[in-house]
Amino acid sequence: MSSLRKYKPLQAHLERRRGRPEMLTFEDIEEIIGKELPESALKHRSFWANDNQDSGAARAWSRAGYRVAYLDRDQKVVRFERTR
């Protein structure tokens, strides 16, 4: 499965938010995509970088018009905010 396809449900979820900010736990994201997040999501801040176009996750939230505005890997939460 391609990385982008894996995160397509996250893209769809954010598109339904219609520009409203969204705070999600890592567990929420796993429920949305139907799979566990990779270990790199827990270990590497770069996984959540908005400009990480090698990441299917970053491409998914970017295509939905969002960016990661806040990340706390210890608390396992991420806040998405609209970019456009």
PDB file of N, CA and C in Angstrom:
ATOM      1  N   MET A   1       0.856  -1.183   0.000  1.00  0.00           N
ATOM      2  CA  MET A   1       0.000   0.000   0.000  1.00  0.00           C
ATOM      3  C   MET A   1       0.895   1.237   0.000  1.00  0.00           C
ATOM      4  N   SER A   2       0.560   2.176  -0.845  1.00  0.00           N
ATOM      5  CA  SER A   2       1.366   3.394  -0.881  1.00  0.00           C
ATOM      6  C   SER A   2       1.139   4.200   0.384  1.00  0.00           C
ATOM      7  N   SER A   3       2.152   4.952   0.729  1.00  0.00           N
ATOM      8  CA  SER A   3       2.096   5.770   1.938  1.00  0.00           C
ATOM      9  C   SER A   3       0.962   6.789   1.864  1.00  0.00           C
ATOM     10  N   LEU A   4       0.761   7.383   0.694  1.00  0.00           N
ATOM     11  CA  LEU A   4      -0.304   8.375   0.560  1.00  0.00           C
ATOM     12  C   LEU A   4      -1.673   7.722   0.717  1.00  0.00           C
ATOM     13  N   ARG A   5      -1.854   6.563   0.112  1.00  0.00           N
ATOM     14  CA  ARG A   5      -3.148   5.877   0.220  1.00  0.00           C
ATOM     15  C   ARG A   5      -3.459   5.529   1.677  1.00  0.00           C
ATOM     16  N   LYS A   6      -2.438   5.161   2.429  1.00  0.00           N
ATOM     17  CA  LYS A   6      -2.627   4.831   3.844  1.00  0.00           C
ATOM     18  C   LYS A   6      -3.236   6.003   4.601  1.00  0.00           C
ATOM     19  N   TYR A   7      -2.844   7.230   4.234  1.00  0.00           N
ATOM     20  CA  TYR A   7      -3.288   8.422   4.963  1.00  0.00           C
ATOM     21  C   TYR A   7      -4.450   9.141   4.289  1.00  0.00           C
ATOM     22  N   LYS A   8      -4.995   8.565   3.223  1.00  0.00           N
ATOM     23  CA  LYS A   8      -6.146   9.162   2.534  1.00  0.00           C
ATOM     24  C   LYS A   8      -7.332   9.374   3.482  1.00  0.00           C
ATOM     25  N   PRO A   9      -7.622   8.447   4.409  1.00  0.00           N
ATOM     26  CA  PRO A   9      -8.717   8.693   5.350  1.00  0.00           C
ATOM     27  C   PRO A   9      -8.467   9.921   6.256  1.00  0.00           C
ATOM     28  N   LEU A  10      -7.214  10.184   6.585  1.00  0.00           N
ATOM     29  CA  LEU A  10      -6.903  11.383   7.368  1.00  0.00           C
ATOM     30  C   LEU A  10      -7.182  12.628   6.537  1.00  0.00           C
ATOM     31  N   GLN A  11      -6.796  12.585   5.278  1.00  0.00           N
ATOM     32  CA  GLN A  11      -7.078  13.711   4.387  1.00  0.00           C
ATOM     33  C   GLN A  11      -8.587  13.964   4.322  1.00  0.00           C
ATOM     34  N   ALA A  12      -9.358  12.911   4.125  1.00  0.00           N
ATOM     35  CA  ALA A  12     -10.818  13.042   4.041  1.00  0.00           C
ATOM     36  C   ALA A  12     -11.397  13.587   5.347  1.00  0.00           C
ATOM     37  N   HIS A  13     -10.886  13.113   6.472  1.00  0.00           N
ATOM     38  CA  HIS A  13     -11.355  13.584   7.778  1.00  0.00           C
ATOM     39  C   HIS A  13     -11.133  15.090   7.912  1.00  0.00           C
ATOM     40  N   LEU A  14      -9.939  15.539   7.570  1.00  0.00           N
ATOM     41  CA  LEU A  14      -9.630  16.966   7.686  1.00  0.00           C
ATOM     42  C   LEU A  14     -10.446  17.793   6.689  1.00  0.00           C
ATOM     43  N   GLU A  15     -10.663  17.267   5.499  1.00  0.00           N
ATOM     44  CA  GLU A  15     -11.486  17.990   4.523  1.00  0.00           C
ATOM     45  C   GLU A  15     -12.902  18.202   5.046  1.00  0.00           C
ATOM     46  N   ARG A  16     -13.424  17.242   5.794  1.00  0.00           N
ATOM     47  CA  ARG A  16     -14.763  17.383   6.380  1.00  0.00           C
ATOM     48  C   ARG A  16     -14.811  18.446   7.474  1.00  0.00           C
ATOM     49  N   ARG A  17     -13.661  18.800   8.018  1.00  0.00           N
ATOM     50  CA  ARG A  17     -13.605  19.816   9.086  1.00  0.00           C
ATOM     51  C   ARG A  17     -13.877  21.216   8.535  1.00  0.00           C
ATOM     52  N   ARG A  18     -13.763  21.383   7.229  1.00  0.00           N
ATOM     53  CA  ARG A  18     -14.059  22.653   6.551  1.00  0.00           C
ATOM     54  C   ARG A  18     -13.327  23.837   7.168  1.00  0.00           C
ATOM     55  N   GLY A  19     -12.052  23.619   7.436  1.00  0.00           N
ATOM     56  CA  GLY A  19     -11.210  24.712   7.900  1.00  0.00           C
ATOM     57  C   GLY A  19     -11.135  24.890   9.403  1.00  0.00           C
ATOM     58  N   ARG A  20     -11.952  24.162  10.139  1.00  0.00           N
ATOM     59  CA  ARG A  20     -11.882  24.271  11.604  1.00  0.00           C
ATOM     60  C   ARG A  20     -10.644  23.537  12.114  1.00  0.00           C
ATOM     61  N   PRO A  21      -9.946  24.127  13.083  1.00  0.00           N
ATOM     62  CA  PRO A  21      -8.781  23.444  13.663  1.00  0.00           C
ATOM     63  C   PRO A  21      -9.192  22.099  14.254  1.00  0.00           C
ATOM     64  N   GLU A  22      -8.247  21.201  14.317  1.00  0.00           N
ATOM     65  CA  GLU A  22      -8.524  19.858  14.819  1.00  0.00           C
ATOM     66  C   GLU A  22      -7.363  19.387  15.692  1.00  0.00           C
ATOM     67  N   MET A  23      -7.639  19.051  16.942  1.00  0.00           N
ATOM     68  CA  MET A  23      -6.653  18.458  17.845  1.00  0.00           C
ATOM     69  C   MET A  23      -6.958  16.971  17.902  1.00  0.00           C
ATOM     70  N   LEU A  24      -5.972  16.163  17.531  1.00  0.00           N
ATOM     71  CA  LEU A  24      -6.143  14.714  17.513  1.00  0.00           C
ATOM     72  C   LEU A  24      -5.043  14.053  18.318  1.00  0.00           C
ATOM     73  N   THR A  25      -5.395  12.986  18.993  1.00  0.00           N
ATOM     74  CA  THR A  25      -4.374  12.157  19.618  1.00  0.00           C
ATOM     75  C   THR A  25      -3.831  11.216  18.551  1.00  0.00           C
ATOM     76  N   PHE A  26      -2.675  10.651  18.813  1.00  0.00           N
ATOM     77  CA  PHE A  26      -2.130   9.668  17.884  1.00  0.00           C
ATOM     78  C   PHE A  26      -3.116   8.504  17.741  1.00  0.00           C
ATOM     79  N   GLU A  27      -3.766   8.149  18.839  1.00  0.00           N
ATOM     80  CA  GLU A  27      -4.759   7.067  18.811  1.00  0.00           C
ATOM     81  C   GLU A  27      -5.931   7.430  17.900  1.00  0.00           C
ATOM     82  N   ASP A  28      -6.377   8.696  17.961  1.00  0.00           N
ATOM     83  CA  ASP A  28      -7.441   9.154  17.061  1.00  0.00           C
ATOM     84  C   ASP A  28      -7.032   8.956  15.601  1.00  0.00           C
ATOM     85  N   ILE A  29      -5.800   9.349  15.293  1.00  0.00           N
ATOM     86  CA  ILE A  29      -5.316   9.235  13.914  1.00  0.00           C
ATOM     87  C   ILE A  29      -5.273   7.764  13.495  1.00  0.00           C
ATOM     88  N   GLU A  30      -4.830   6.902  14.399  1.00  0.00           N
ATOM     89  CA  GLU A  30      -4.795   5.474  14.085  1.00  0.00           C
ATOM     90  C   GLU A  30      -6.198   4.938  13.814  1.00  0.00           C
ATOM     91  N   GLU A  31      -7.182   5.402  14.568  1.00  0.00           N
ATOM     92  CA  GLU A  31      -8.562   4.990  14.315  1.00  0.00           C
ATOM     93  C   GLU A  31      -9.039   5.484  12.952  1.00  0.00           C
ATOM     94  N   ILE A  32      -8.687   6.720  12.615  1.00  0.00           N
ATOM     95  CA  ILE A  32      -9.101   7.308  11.341  1.00  0.00           C
ATOM     96  C   ILE A  32      -8.504   6.542  10.165  1.00  0.00           C
ATOM     97  N   ILE A  33      -7.208   6.216  10.250  1.00  0.00           N
ATOM     98  CA  ILE A  33      -6.548   5.549   9.120  1.00  0.00           C
ATOM     99  C   ILE A  33      -6.699   4.027   9.173  1.00  0.00           C
ATOM    100  N   GLY A  34      -7.136   3.506  10.311  1.00  0.00           N
ATOM    101  CA  GLY A  34      -7.340   2.062  10.432  1.00  0.00           C
ATOM    102  C   GLY A  34      -6.067   1.260  10.556  1.00  0.00           C
ATOM    103  N   LYS A  35      -4.990   1.934  10.933  1.00  0.00           N
ATOM    104  CA  LYS A  35      -3.686   1.276  11.079  1.00  0.00           C
ATOM    105  C   LYS A  35      -2.897   2.004  12.163  1.00  0.00           C
ATOM    106  N   GLU A  36      -1.881   1.342  12.681  1.00  0.00           N
ATOM    107  CA  GLU A  36      -0.990   1.988  13.633  1.00  0.00           C
ATOM    108  C   GLU A  36      -0.088   2.980  12.916  1.00  0.00           C
ATOM    109  N   LEU A  37       0.232   4.062  13.599  1.00  0.00           N
ATOM    110  CA  LEU A  37       1.235   4.986  13.075  1.00  0.00           C
ATOM    111  C   LEU A  37       2.594   4.300  13.103  1.00  0.00           C
ATOM    112  N   PRO A  38       3.468   4.652  12.194  1.00  0.00           N
ATOM    113  CA  PRO A  38       4.794   4.042  12.207  1.00  0.00           C
ATOM    114  C   PRO A  38       5.596   4.507  13.420  1.00  0.00           C
ATOM    115  N   GLU A  39       6.577   3.741  13.765  1.00  0.00           N
ATOM    116  CA  GLU A  39       7.464   4.078  14.887  1.00  0.00           C
ATOM    117  C   GLU A  39       8.070   5.471  14.716  1.00  0.00           C
ATOM    118  N   SER A  40       8.319   5.869  13.476  1.00  0.00           N
ATOM    119  CA  SER A  40       8.917   7.186  13.231  1.00  0.00           C
ATOM    120  C   SER A  40       8.023   8.327  13.708  1.00  0.00           C
ATOM    121  N   ALA A  41       6.708   8.112  13.761  1.00  0.00           N
ATOM    122  CA  ALA A  41       5.800   9.148  14.260  1.00  0.00           C
ATOM    123  C   ALA A  41       6.034   9.409  15.745  1.00  0.00           C
ATOM    124  N   LEU A  42       6.451   8.371  16.447  1.00  0.00           N
ATOM    125  CA  LEU A  42       6.721   8.504  17.880  1.00  0.00           C
ATOM    126  C   LEU A  42       8.127   9.011  18.160  1.00  0.00           C
ATOM    127  N   LYS A  43       9.062   8.661  17.300  1.00  0.00           N
ATOM    128  CA  LYS A  43      10.471   8.932  17.574  1.00  0.00           C
ATOM    129  C   LYS A  43      11.029  10.178  16.898  1.00  0.00           C
ATOM    130  N   HIS A  44      10.463  10.561  15.760  1.00  0.00           N
ATOM    131  CA  HIS A  44      11.095  11.606  14.955  1.00  0.00           C
ATOM    132  C   HIS A  44      10.138  12.762  14.676  1.00  0.00           C
ATOM    133  N   ARG A  45      10.514  13.927  15.133  1.00  0.00           N
ATOM    134  CA  ARG A  45       9.723  15.129  14.870  1.00  0.00           C
ATOM    135  C   ARG A  45       9.548  15.345  13.373  1.00  0.00           C
ATOM    136  N   SER A  46      10.541  14.925  12.585  1.00  0.00           N
ATOM    137  CA  SER A  46      10.494  15.134  11.138  1.00  0.00           C
ATOM    138  C   SER A  46       9.290  14.444  10.488  1.00  0.00           C
ATOM    139  N   PHE A  47       8.765  13.383  11.099  1.00  0.00           N
ATOM    140  CA  PHE A  47       7.577  12.730  10.552  1.00  0.00           C
ATOM    141  C   PHE A  47       6.440  13.729  10.429  1.00  0.00           C
ATOM    142  N   TRP A  48       6.356  14.661  11.380  1.00  0.00           N
ATOM    143  CA  TRP A  48       5.264  15.623  11.461  1.00  0.00           C
ATOM    144  C   TRP A  48       5.574  16.946  10.761  1.00  0.00           C
ATOM    145  N   ALA A  49       6.734  17.029  10.127  1.00  0.00           N
ATOM    146  CA  ALA A  49       7.120  18.273   9.453  1.00  0.00           C
ATOM    147  C   ALA A  49       6.202  18.533   8.264  1.00  0.00           C
ATOM    148  N   ASN A  50       5.710  19.745   8.177  1.00  0.00           N
ATOM    149  CA  ASN A  50       4.791  20.104   7.100  1.00  0.00           C
ATOM    150  C   ASN A  50       5.444  20.043   5.730  1.00  0.00           C
ATOM    151  N   ASP A  51       6.744  20.226   5.680  1.00  0.00           N
ATOM    152  CA  ASP A  51       7.438  20.218   4.393  1.00  0.00           C
ATOM    153  C   ASP A  51       8.045  18.855   4.059  1.00  0.00           C
ATOM    154  N   ASN A  52       7.697  17.830   4.806  1.00  0.00           N
ATOM    155  CA  ASN A  52       8.209  16.477   4.576  1.00  0.00           C
ATOM    156  C   ASN A  52       7.368  15.804   3.490  1.00  0.00           C
ATOM    157  N   GLN A  53       7.633  16.142   2.253  1.00  0.00           N
ATOM    158  CA  GLN A  53       6.831  15.608   1.154  1.00  0.00           C
ATOM    159  C   GLN A  53       7.183  14.157   0.822  1.00  0.00           C
ATOM    160  N   ASP A  54       8.164  13.582   1.519  1.00  0.00           N
ATOM    161  CA  ASP A  54       8.417  12.149   1.398  1.00  0.00           C
ATOM    162  C   ASP A  54       7.407  11.366   2.228  1.00  0.00           C
ATOM    163  N   SER A  55       6.723  12.070   3.115  1.00  0.00           N
ATOM    164  CA  SER A  55       5.763  11.441   4.016  1.00  0.00           C
ATOM    165  C   SER A  55       4.368  11.487   3.409  1.00  0.00           C
ATOM    166  N   GLY A  56       3.743  10.328   3.293  1.00  0.00           N
ATOM    167  CA  GLY A  56       2.358  10.287   2.833  1.00  0.00           C
ATOM    168  C   GLY A  56       1.441  11.026   3.781  1.00  0.00           C
ATOM    169  N   ALA A  57       1.766  11.006   5.070  1.00  0.00           N
ATOM    170  CA  ALA A  57       0.953  11.706   6.058  1.00  0.00           C
ATOM    171  C   ALA A  57       0.987  13.215   5.798  1.00  0.00           C
ATOM    172  N   ALA A  58       2.174  13.772   5.615  1.00  0.00           N
ATOM    173  CA  ALA A  58       2.299  15.210   5.374  1.00  0.00           C
ATOM    174  C   ALA A  58       1.602  15.609   4.077  1.00  0.00           C
ATOM    175  N   ARG A  59       1.724  14.787   3.061  1.00  0.00           N
ATOM    176  CA  ARG A  59       1.028  15.090   1.797  1.00  0.00           C
ATOM    177  C   ARG A  59      -0.475  15.060   2.009  1.00  0.00           C
ATOM    178  N   ALA A  60      -0.964  14.145   2.827  1.00  0.00           N
ATOM    179  CA  ALA A  60      -2.409  14.032   3.073  1.00  0.00           C
ATOM    180  C   ALA A  60      -2.944  15.282   3.760  1.00  0.00           C
ATOM    181  N   TRP A  61      -2.307  15.722   4.847  1.00  0.00           N
ATOM    182  CA  TRP A  61      -2.862  16.910   5.511  1.00  0.00           C
ATOM    183  C   TRP A  61      -2.628  18.167   4.683  1.00  0.00           C
ATOM    184  N   SER A  62      -1.561  18.208   3.910  1.00  0.00           N
ATOM    185  CA  SER A  62      -1.329  19.355   3.025  1.00  0.00           C
ATOM    186  C   SER A  62      -2.404  19.430   1.942  1.00  0.00           C
ATOM    187  N   ARG A  63      -2.726  18.302   1.349  1.00  0.00           N
ATOM    188  CA  ARG A  63      -3.756  18.269   0.300  1.00  0.00           C
ATOM    189  C   ARG A  63      -5.125  18.648   0.846  1.00  0.00           C
ATOM    190  N   ALA A  64      -5.344  18.408   2.125  1.00  0.00           N
ATOM    191  CA  ALA A  64      -6.609  18.795   2.756  1.00  0.00           C
ATOM    192  C   ALA A  64      -6.609  20.282   3.121  1.00  0.00           C
ATOM    193  N   GLY A  65      -5.450  20.938   2.943  1.00  0.00           N
ATOM    194  CA  GLY A  65      -5.359  22.361   3.260  1.00  0.00           C
ATOM    195  C   GLY A  65      -5.013  22.643   4.716  1.00  0.00           C
ATOM    196  N   TYR A  66      -4.352  21.685   5.355  1.00  0.00           N
ATOM    197  CA  TYR A  66      -3.978  21.827   6.764  1.00  0.00           C
ATOM    198  C   TYR A  66      -2.472  21.749   6.939  1.00  0.00           C
ATOM    199  N   ARG A  67      -2.045  22.150   8.117  1.00  0.00           N
ATOM    200  CA  ARG A  67      -0.651  22.024   8.526  1.00  0.00           C
ATOM    201  C   ARG A  67      -0.633  21.619   9.993  1.00  0.00           C
ATOM    202  N   VAL A  68       0.469  21.027  10.417  1.00  0.00           N
ATOM    203  CA  VAL A  68       0.650  20.736  11.834  1.00  0.00           C
ATOM    204  C   VAL A  68       1.059  22.043  12.508  1.00  0.00           C
ATOM    205  N   ALA A  69       0.227  22.512  13.416  1.00  0.00           N
ATOM    206  CA  ALA A  69       0.490  23.766  14.115  1.00  0.00           C
ATOM    207  C   ALA A  69       1.072  23.522  15.499  1.00  0.00           C
ATOM    208  N   TYR A  70       0.840  22.335  16.048  1.00  0.00           N
ATOM    209  CA  TYR A  70       1.322  21.998  17.382  1.00  0.00           C
ATOM    210  C   TYR A  70       1.513  20.490  17.446  1.00  0.00           C
ATOM    211  N   LEU A  71       2.583  20.088  18.094  1.00  0.00           N
ATOM    212  CA  LEU A  71       2.873  18.667  18.262  1.00  0.00           C
ATOM    213  C   LEU A  71       3.474  18.439  19.634  1.00  0.00           C
ATOM    214  N   ASP A  72       2.958  17.459  20.341  1.00  0.00           N
ATOM    215  CA  ASP A  72       3.544  17.011  21.603  1.00  0.00           C
ATOM    216  C   ASP A  72       3.658  15.492  21.512  1.00  0.00           C
ATOM    217  N   ARG A  73       4.862  15.026  21.206  1.00  0.00           N
ATOM    218  CA  ARG A  73       5.055  13.583  21.045  1.00  0.00           C
ATOM    219  C   ARG A  73       4.954  12.852  22.375  1.00  0.00           C
ATOM    220  N   ASP A  74       5.292  13.516  23.483  1.00  0.00           N
ATOM    221  CA  ASP A  74       5.167  12.865  24.788  1.00  0.00           C
ATOM    222  C   ASP A  74       3.698  12.619  25.141  1.00  0.00           C
ATOM    223  N   GLN A  75       2.863  13.625  24.889  1.00  0.00           N
ATOM    224  CA  GLN A  75       1.425  13.491  25.162  1.00  0.00           C
ATOM    225  C   GLN A  75       0.679  12.839  24.003  1.00  0.00           C
ATOM    226  N   LYS A  76       1.384  12.686  22.868  1.00  0.00           N
ATOM    227  CA  LYS A  76       0.839  12.047  21.674  1.00  0.00           C
ATOM    228  C   LYS A  76      -0.390  12.788  21.145  1.00  0.00           C
ATOM    229  N   VAL A  77      -0.209  14.105  20.966  1.00  0.00           N
ATOM    230  CA  VAL A  77      -1.270  14.926  20.381  1.00  0.00           C
ATOM    231  C   VAL A  77      -0.697  15.804  19.280  1.00  0.00           C
ATOM    232  N   VAL A  78      -1.546  16.109  18.322  1.00  0.00           N
ATOM    233  CA  VAL A  78      -1.168  16.980  17.211  1.00  0.00           C
ATOM    234  C   VAL A  78      -2.361  17.881  16.895  1.00  0.00           C
ATOM    235  N   ARG A  79      -2.069  19.148  16.628  1.00  0.00           N
ATOM    236  CA  ARG A  79      -3.121  20.089  16.258  1.00  0.00           C
ATOM    237  C   ARG A  79      -2.904  20.496  14.806  1.00  0.00           C
ATOM    238  N   PHE A  80      -3.959  20.311  14.032  1.00  0.00           N
ATOM    239  CA  PHE A  80      -3.945  20.705  12.625  1.00  0.00           C
ATOM    240  C   PHE A  80      -4.706  22.017  12.482  1.00  0.00           C
ATOM    241  N   GLU A  81      -4.142  22.941  11.717  1.00  0.00           N
ATOM    242  CA  GLU A  81      -4.820  24.196  11.419  1.00  0.00           C
ATOM    243  C   GLU A  81      -4.829  24.415   9.915  1.00  0.00           C
ATOM    244  N   ARG A  82      -5.825  25.130   9.469  1.00  0.00           N
ATOM    245  CA  ARG A  82      -6.017  25.404   8.044  1.00  0.00           C
ATOM    246  C   ARG A  82      -4.896  26.281   7.507  1.00  0.00           C
ATOM    247  N   THR A  83      -4.470  26.010   6.284  1.00  0.00           N
ATOM    248  CA  THR A  83      -3.425  26.819   5.654  1.00  0.00           C
ATOM    249  C   THR A  83      -3.993  27.774   4.620  1.00  0.00           C
ATOM    250  N   ARG A  84      -5.173  27.488   4.079  1.00  0.00           N
ATOM    251  CA  ARG A  84      -5.714  28.365   3.036  1.00  0.00           C
ATOM    252  C   ARG A  84      -7.127  28.748   3.333  1.00  0.00           C
TER     253      ARG A  84
END
